[in-house]
Amino acid sequence: QVQLVESGGGLVQPGGSLRLSCVASASLFNFNAMGWYRQAPGKQRDLVAKIRSGGSTNYAESVKGRFTISRDNVKNTVYLQMNSLKPEDTAVYYCNAETSRSGYWGQGTQVTVSS
């Protein structure tokens, strides 16, 4: 069973930055893609950013130019650098690991953007 542990969430003022980390219990080479999703209260869980095994990335339109996803294959860690944060970025952020047959989720980390 793969475990994903997120960290780095917290309270930040609008315009601020946070970096989320997701440490996997297995090599990232086991997965087709790693992604960050978020879920605000009363809303569905949506994709924020994804990075594939070959290194290609894609982002939700709402975060393009502000968020950057990256991976460290030695540390089995995926990062989400979030800059110019807005109140509408407030949500629980979840890490996801995809294989051809299944997916794994972390427990989530809360990000709150408020003055």
Protein backbone atom coordinates (compact mmCIF):
# COMPACT_ATOMS: atom_id res chain seq x y z
CA GLN A 1 0.00 0.00 0.00
CA VAL A 2 1.40 3.37 -1.04
CA GLN A 3 1.35 6.17 1.48
CA LEU A 4 1.45 9.85 0.60
CA VAL A 5 2.13 12.43 3.28
CA GLU A 6 1.48 16.09 2.57
CA SER A 7 2.87 19.02 4.52
CA GLY A 8 3.41 22.75 4.17
CA GLY A 9 -0.12 24.09 4.45
CA GLY A 10 -1.11 26.93 6.72
CA LEU A 11 -2.51 30.43 6.98
CA VAL A 12 -1.10 33.05 4.63
CA GLN A 13 -2.10 36.56 3.64
CA PRO A 14 -3.26 37.36 0.11
CA GLY A 15 -0.27 37.78 -2.16
CA GLY A 16 1.83 35.45 -0.06
CA SER A 17 3.49 32.14 -0.89
CA LEU A 18 3.51 28.59 0.39
CA ARG A 19 5.26 25.43 -0.72
CA LEU A 20 3.49 22.13 -0.28
CA SER A 21 5.38 18.83 -0.13
CA CYS A 22 4.17 15.30 -0.73
CA VAL A 23 6.43 12.43 0.29
CA ALA A 24 5.64 9.03 -1.20
CA SER A 25 6.48 5.71 0.47
CA ALA A 26 7.53 4.31 -2.91
CA SER A 27 9.68 5.47 -5.78
CA LEU A 28 7.99 8.06 -7.99
CA PHE A 29 9.02 5.93 -10.96
CA ASN A 30 6.20 3.55 -9.97
CA PHE A 31 3.61 6.14 -10.97
CA ASN A 32 2.44 7.46 -14.32
CA ALA A 33 1.79 10.85 -12.81
CA MET A 34 1.72 12.78 -9.57
CA GLY A 35 -0.79 15.51 -8.96
CA TRP A 36 -2.15 18.08 -6.57
CA TYR A 37 -5.89 18.50 -6.15
CA ARG A 38 -7.89 20.79 -3.93
CA GLN A 39 -11.31 20.79 -2.38
CA ALA A 40 -13.04 23.82 -0.90
CA PRO A 41 -16.01 23.42 1.48
CA GLY A 42 -19.13 22.38 -0.40
CA LYS A 43 -17.26 21.93 -3.68
CA GLN A 44 -15.86 19.00 -5.62
CA ARG A 45 -12.22 18.02 -5.62
CA ASP A 46 -10.48 19.57 -8.63
CA LEU A 47 -7.12 19.12 -10.27
CA VAL A 48 -4.65 21.91 -9.54
CA ALA A 49 -1.50 20.60 -11.21
CA LYS A 50 -0.07 17.37 -12.54
CA ILE A 51 3.40 16.19 -13.47
CA ARG A 52 3.88 13.06 -15.53
CA SER A 53 6.72 10.56 -15.37
CA GLY A 54 8.28 12.13 -18.45
CA GLY A 55 8.23 15.55 -16.80
CA SER A 56 5.37 17.19 -18.69
CA THR A 57 3.01 19.28 -16.61
CA ASN A 58 -0.45 20.77 -16.78
CA TYR A 59 -2.25 23.26 -14.58
CA ALA A 60 -5.74 24.46 -13.86
CA GLU A 61 -6.38 27.74 -15.64
CA SER A 62 -6.96 29.51 -12.34
CA VAL A 63 -3.41 28.80 -11.11
CA LYS A 64 -1.36 29.12 -14.31
CA GLY A 65 1.54 31.51 -13.84
CA ARG A 66 1.22 31.39 -10.04
CA PHE A 67 1.74 27.73 -9.09
CA THR A 68 4.56 25.40 -10.07
CA ILE A 69 4.65 21.63 -9.63
CA SER A 70 7.98 19.83 -9.44
CA ARG A 71 9.40 16.51 -8.35
CA ASP A 72 12.53 15.19 -6.67
CA ASN A 73 12.92 11.55 -7.65
CA VAL A 74 15.73 10.99 -5.15
CA LYS A 75 13.58 12.14 -2.24
CA ASN A 76 10.36 10.59 -3.59
CA THR A 77 8.80 14.01 -3.14
CA VAL A 78 6.50 16.21 -5.20
CA TYR A 79 6.22 19.93 -4.52
CA LEU A 80 3.68 22.61 -5.25
CA GLN A 81 5.08 26.12 -5.09
CA MET A 82 2.20 28.55 -4.71
CA ASN A 83 2.81 32.27 -5.24
CA SER A 84 0.50 35.27 -5.36
CA LEU A 85 -2.06 33.41 -3.32
CA LYS A 86 -5.67 34.56 -3.39
CA PRO A 87 -8.54 33.95 -0.96
CA GLU A 88 -10.15 31.69 -3.55
CA ASP A 89 -7.15 29.36 -3.27
CA THR A 90 -8.36 28.42 0.20
CA ALA A 91 -8.99 24.68 0.29
CA VAL A 92 -7.69 21.35 1.48
CA TYR A 93 -4.93 20.30 -0.89
CA TYR A 94 -4.45 16.62 -1.64
CA CYS A 95 -1.58 14.77 -3.23
CA ASN A 96 -2.40 12.02 -5.74
CA ALA A 97 -0.33 9.26 -7.32
CA GLU A 98 -1.59 7.55 -10.48
CA THR A 99 -0.79 4.11 -11.82
CA SER A 100 -2.37 2.43 -14.83
CA ARG A 101 -4.77 0.58 -12.55
CA SER A 102 -5.33 2.72 -9.47
CA GLY A 103 -4.68 5.93 -7.63
CA TYR A 104 -3.56 6.87 -4.16
CA TRP A 105 -4.41 9.87 -2.03
CA GLY A 106 -2.79 11.63 0.87
CA GLN A 107 -4.67 12.87 3.90
CA GLY A 108 -4.67 16.49 2.74
CA THR A 109 -3.23 19.74 4.07
CA GLN A 110 -5.25 22.88 4.73
CA VAL A 111 -4.34 26.10 2.95
CA THR A 112 -6.11 29.25 4.12
CA VAL A 113 -5.55 32.58 2.40
CA SER A 114 -6.93 35.42 4.48
CA SER A 115 -5.99 38.81 5.84
